[in-house]
Amino acid sequence: MQLVISSTGTIHCLYDETLDLHTLGKLSISRGSHVEPNEAGLWYADLAPVGGPQLGPFGSRSAALIAEVRWLEEHWLSSSDH
């Protein structure tokens, strides 16, 4: 898990259960994307909630989730536009 701490002390990360984030202070959790199948059973990661693209198609949900996390880490987490 990557934690990005701003100069004001705000922490940004991709939520998972590696750490109990409540120990860091008040939480504000929001959705970064939607990973859903289409009618053909192919998977897409829609990163519109953070101003990103739609990734896919992927043959499996796990492949879409990996691409989702990779994009969020490279483009959203490292950005100062939160």
N, C-alpha and C. Protein backbone atom coordinates (compact mmCIF):
# COMPACT_ATOMS: atom_id res chain seq x y z
N MET A 1 0.85 -1.18 0.00
CA MET A 1 0.00 0.00 0.00
C MET A 1 0.89 1.24 0.00
N GLN A 2 0.59 2.14 -0.91
CA GLN A 2 1.31 3.41 -0.98
C GLN A 2 0.49 4.48 -0.26
N LEU A 3 1.14 5.23 0.61
CA LEU A 3 0.53 6.38 1.26
C LEU A 3 1.25 7.62 0.75
N VAL A 4 0.49 8.57 0.24
CA VAL A 4 1.05 9.84 -0.23
C VAL A 4 0.61 10.90 0.77
N ILE A 5 1.58 11.54 1.41
CA ILE A 5 1.29 12.54 2.44
C ILE A 5 1.64 13.92 1.89
N SER A 6 0.64 14.80 1.86
CA SER A 6 0.86 16.15 1.33
C SER A 6 1.54 17.02 2.38
N SER A 7 1.97 18.19 1.97
CA SER A 7 2.62 19.13 2.90
C SER A 7 1.66 19.63 3.98
N THR A 8 0.34 19.46 3.76
CA THR A 8 -0.65 19.86 4.76
C THR A 8 -1.01 18.71 5.70
N GLY A 9 -0.43 17.53 5.46
CA GLY A 9 -0.68 16.37 6.30
C GLY A 9 -1.81 15.48 5.83
N THR A 10 -2.42 15.82 4.70
CA THR A 10 -3.47 14.98 4.14
C THR A 10 -2.83 13.74 3.52
N ILE A 11 -3.43 12.59 3.76
CA ILE A 11 -2.91 11.34 3.24
C ILE A 11 -3.85 10.81 2.18
N HIS A 12 -3.29 10.40 1.04
CA HIS A 12 -4.05 9.77 -0.04
C HIS A 12 -3.51 8.38 -0.26
N CYS A 13 -4.41 7.46 -0.57
CA CYS A 13 -4.00 6.09 -0.88
C CYS A 13 -5.13 5.40 -1.62
N LEU A 14 -4.81 4.23 -2.16
CA LEU A 14 -5.85 3.36 -2.69
C LEU A 14 -6.27 2.47 -1.54
N TYR A 15 -7.53 2.51 -1.19
CA TYR A 15 -8.01 1.80 -0.02
C TYR A 15 -7.85 0.29 -0.17
N ASP A 16 -7.29 -0.30 0.83
CA ASP A 16 -7.36 -1.74 1.02
C ASP A 16 -7.28 -1.99 2.52
N GLU A 17 -7.24 -3.22 2.92
CA GLU A 17 -7.28 -3.52 4.34
C GLU A 17 -5.92 -3.88 4.90
N THR A 18 -4.84 -3.46 4.24
CA THR A 18 -3.49 -3.70 4.73
C THR A 18 -3.27 -3.03 6.08
N LEU A 19 -3.73 -1.80 6.19
CA LEU A 19 -3.61 -1.01 7.42
C LEU A 19 -5.00 -0.62 7.90
N ASP A 20 -5.14 -0.45 9.19
CA ASP A 20 -6.38 0.12 9.72
C ASP A 20 -6.26 1.64 9.57
N LEU A 21 -6.82 2.16 8.50
CA LEU A 21 -6.66 3.58 8.18
C LEU A 21 -7.31 4.50 9.21
N HIS A 22 -8.24 3.99 10.00
CA HIS A 22 -8.85 4.80 11.04
C HIS A 22 -7.82 5.30 12.05
N THR A 23 -6.72 4.59 12.21
CA THR A 23 -5.69 5.01 13.16
C THR A 23 -4.97 6.27 12.69
N LEU A 24 -5.13 6.63 11.41
CA LEU A 24 -4.47 7.82 10.87
C LEU A 24 -5.30 9.09 11.03
N GLY A 25 -6.57 8.94 11.39
CA GLY A 25 -7.44 10.11 11.55
C GLY A 25 -8.76 9.91 10.84
N LYS A 26 -9.49 11.00 10.67
CA LYS A 26 -10.81 10.97 10.03
C LYS A 26 -10.66 10.56 8.56
N LEU A 27 -11.50 9.64 8.13
CA LEU A 27 -11.43 9.14 6.76
C LEU A 27 -12.46 9.80 5.85
N SER A 28 -12.07 9.96 4.60
CA SER A 28 -12.99 10.36 3.55
C SER A 28 -12.72 9.40 2.40
N ILE A 29 -13.62 8.46 2.19
CA ILE A 29 -13.43 7.42 1.18
C ILE A 29 -14.37 7.69 0.02
N SER A 30 -13.82 7.68 -1.20
CA SER A 30 -14.65 7.86 -2.39
C SER A 30 -14.21 6.87 -3.46
N ARG A 31 -15.14 6.56 -4.32
CA ARG A 31 -14.89 5.59 -5.38
C ARG A 31 -13.99 6.20 -6.45
N GLY A 32 -12.99 5.44 -6.87
CA GLY A 32 -12.08 5.89 -7.91
C GLY A 32 -12.43 5.34 -9.28
N SER A 33 -13.20 4.26 -9.31
CA SER A 33 -13.55 3.65 -10.59
C SER A 33 -14.68 2.66 -10.40
N HIS A 34 -15.10 2.12 -11.53
CA HIS A 34 -16.12 1.06 -11.54
C HIS A 34 -15.57 -0.04 -12.43
N VAL A 35 -15.49 -1.26 -11.92
CA VAL A 35 -15.06 -2.40 -12.72
C VAL A 35 -16.29 -3.27 -12.93
N GLU A 36 -16.71 -3.37 -14.20
CA GLU A 36 -17.96 -4.05 -14.53
C GLU A 36 -17.80 -4.83 -15.83
N PRO A 37 -18.61 -5.89 -15.98
CA PRO A 37 -18.60 -6.62 -17.26
C PRO A 37 -19.58 -5.99 -18.24
N ASN A 38 -19.35 -6.24 -19.52
CA ASN A 38 -20.35 -5.84 -20.52
C ASN A 38 -21.23 -7.05 -20.83
N GLU A 39 -22.13 -6.90 -21.77
CA GLU A 39 -23.06 -7.97 -22.08
C GLU A 39 -22.38 -9.20 -22.68
N ALA A 40 -21.17 -9.05 -23.21
CA ALA A 40 -20.41 -10.17 -23.77
C ALA A 40 -19.54 -10.86 -22.72
N GLY A 41 -19.56 -10.35 -21.49
CA GLY A 41 -18.76 -10.96 -20.43
C GLY A 41 -17.33 -10.47 -20.36
N LEU A 42 -17.02 -9.40 -21.09
CA LEU A 42 -15.69 -8.80 -21.02
C LEU A 42 -15.71 -7.71 -19.96
N TRP A 43 -14.58 -7.47 -19.34
CA TRP A 43 -14.51 -6.56 -18.21
C TRP A 43 -13.86 -5.24 -18.57
N TYR A 44 -14.38 -4.16 -17.99
CA TYR A 44 -13.86 -2.81 -18.20
C TYR A 44 -13.65 -2.13 -16.85
N ALA A 45 -12.62 -1.31 -16.78
CA ALA A 45 -12.39 -0.46 -15.62
C ALA A 45 -12.66 0.97 -16.06
N ASP A 46 -13.72 1.55 -15.54
CA ASP A 46 -14.12 2.91 -15.89
C ASP A 46 -13.60 3.86 -14.81
N LEU A 47 -12.60 4.66 -15.14
CA LEU A 47 -11.96 5.56 -14.19
C LEU A 47 -12.53 6.98 -14.25
N ALA A 48 -13.74 7.13 -14.80
CA ALA A 48 -14.39 8.44 -14.88
C ALA A 48 -14.52 9.14 -13.53
N PRO A 49 -14.75 8.42 -12.42
CA PRO A 49 -14.88 9.14 -11.14
C PRO A 49 -13.67 9.99 -10.76
N VAL A 50 -12.50 9.67 -11.31
CA VAL A 50 -11.30 10.48 -11.04
C VAL A 50 -10.80 11.16 -12.31
N GLY A 51 -11.67 11.28 -13.31
CA GLY A 51 -11.31 11.96 -14.55
C GLY A 51 -10.44 11.14 -15.48
N GLY A 52 -10.47 9.83 -15.32
CA GLY A 52 -9.63 8.95 -16.13
C GLY A 52 -10.39 8.29 -17.26
N PRO A 53 -9.69 7.43 -17.99
CA PRO A 53 -10.28 6.75 -19.15
C PRO A 53 -11.02 5.48 -18.77
N GLN A 54 -11.59 4.85 -19.77
CA GLN A 54 -12.13 3.50 -19.60
C GLN A 54 -11.07 2.54 -20.12
N LEU A 55 -10.68 1.58 -19.32
CA LEU A 55 -9.67 0.60 -19.70
C LEU A 55 -10.35 -0.72 -20.05
N GLY A 56 -9.83 -1.39 -21.05
CA GLY A 56 -10.36 -2.71 -21.41
C GLY A 56 -10.59 -2.80 -22.90
N PRO A 57 -11.12 -3.90 -23.33
CA PRO A 57 -11.72 -4.97 -22.54
C PRO A 57 -10.67 -5.95 -22.00
N PHE A 58 -11.05 -6.61 -20.92
CA PHE A 58 -10.23 -7.63 -20.30
C PHE A 58 -11.04 -8.92 -20.24
N GLY A 59 -10.36 -10.03 -20.36
CA GLY A 59 -11.02 -11.33 -20.33
C GLY A 59 -11.46 -11.76 -18.95
N SER A 60 -10.89 -11.14 -17.93
CA SER A 60 -11.26 -11.52 -16.56
C SER A 60 -11.36 -10.28 -15.68
N ARG A 61 -12.13 -10.42 -14.62
CA ARG A 61 -12.28 -9.33 -13.66
C ARG A 61 -10.95 -9.02 -13.00
N SER A 62 -10.18 -10.05 -12.67
CA SER A 62 -8.89 -9.82 -12.00
C SER A 62 -7.94 -9.02 -12.88
N ALA A 63 -7.95 -9.25 -14.18
CA ALA A 63 -7.10 -8.47 -15.08
C ALA A 63 -7.54 -7.00 -15.10
N ALA A 64 -8.85 -6.77 -15.08
CA ALA A 64 -9.36 -5.40 -15.05
C ALA A 64 -8.98 -4.71 -13.74
N LEU A 65 -9.04 -5.44 -12.62
CA LEU A 65 -8.67 -4.87 -11.33
C LEU A 65 -7.19 -4.51 -11.28
N ILE A 66 -6.35 -5.35 -11.85
CA ILE A 66 -4.91 -5.05 -11.89
C ILE A 66 -4.66 -3.79 -12.70
N ALA A 67 -5.30 -3.67 -13.85
CA ALA A 67 -5.14 -2.47 -14.69
C ALA A 67 -5.67 -1.23 -13.97
N GLU A 68 -6.78 -1.39 -13.26
CA GLU A 68 -7.37 -0.28 -12.50
C GLU A 68 -6.38 0.24 -11.46
N VAL A 69 -5.83 -0.65 -10.67
CA VAL A 69 -4.88 -0.26 -9.63
C VAL A 69 -3.64 0.38 -10.24
N ARG A 70 -3.12 -0.22 -11.28
CA ARG A 70 -1.92 0.32 -11.95
C ARG A 70 -2.18 1.75 -12.43
N TRP A 71 -3.33 1.98 -13.09
CA TRP A 71 -3.63 3.32 -13.60
C TRP A 71 -3.78 4.30 -12.44
N LEU A 72 -4.52 3.91 -11.40
CA LEU A 72 -4.72 4.80 -10.26
C LEU A 72 -3.40 5.15 -9.58
N GLU A 73 -2.51 4.19 -9.43
CA GLU A 73 -1.21 4.47 -8.81
C GLU A 73 -0.36 5.39 -9.66
N GLU A 74 -0.37 5.17 -10.97
CA GLU A 74 0.47 5.97 -11.87
C GLU A 74 -0.07 7.36 -12.17
N HIS A 75 -1.39 7.50 -12.23
CA HIS A 75 -1.98 8.75 -12.69
C HIS A 75 -2.72 9.54 -11.63
N TRP A 76 -3.39 8.86 -10.72
CA TRP A 76 -4.19 9.57 -9.72
C TRP A 76 -3.43 9.75 -8.41
N LEU A 77 -2.86 8.68 -7.88
CA LEU A 77 -2.21 8.75 -6.58
C LEU A 77 -1.03 9.70 -6.61
N SER A 78 -0.28 9.71 -7.68
CA SER A 78 0.91 10.56 -7.77
C SER A 78 0.57 12.01 -8.13
N SER A 79 -0.71 12.28 -8.46
CA SER A 79 -1.13 13.62 -8.82
C SER A 79 -1.37 14.48 -7.59
N SER A 80 -1.17 15.76 -7.72
CA SER A 80 -1.47 16.69 -6.62
C SER A 80 -2.88 17.26 -6.74
N ASP A 81 -3.65 16.80 -7.71
CA ASP A 81 -5.00 17.33 -7.97
C ASP A 81 -6.07 16.55 -7.21
N HIS A 82 -5.97 16.43 -5.91
CA HIS A 82 -6.98 15.69 -5.15
C HIS A 82 -7.95 16.62 -4.51
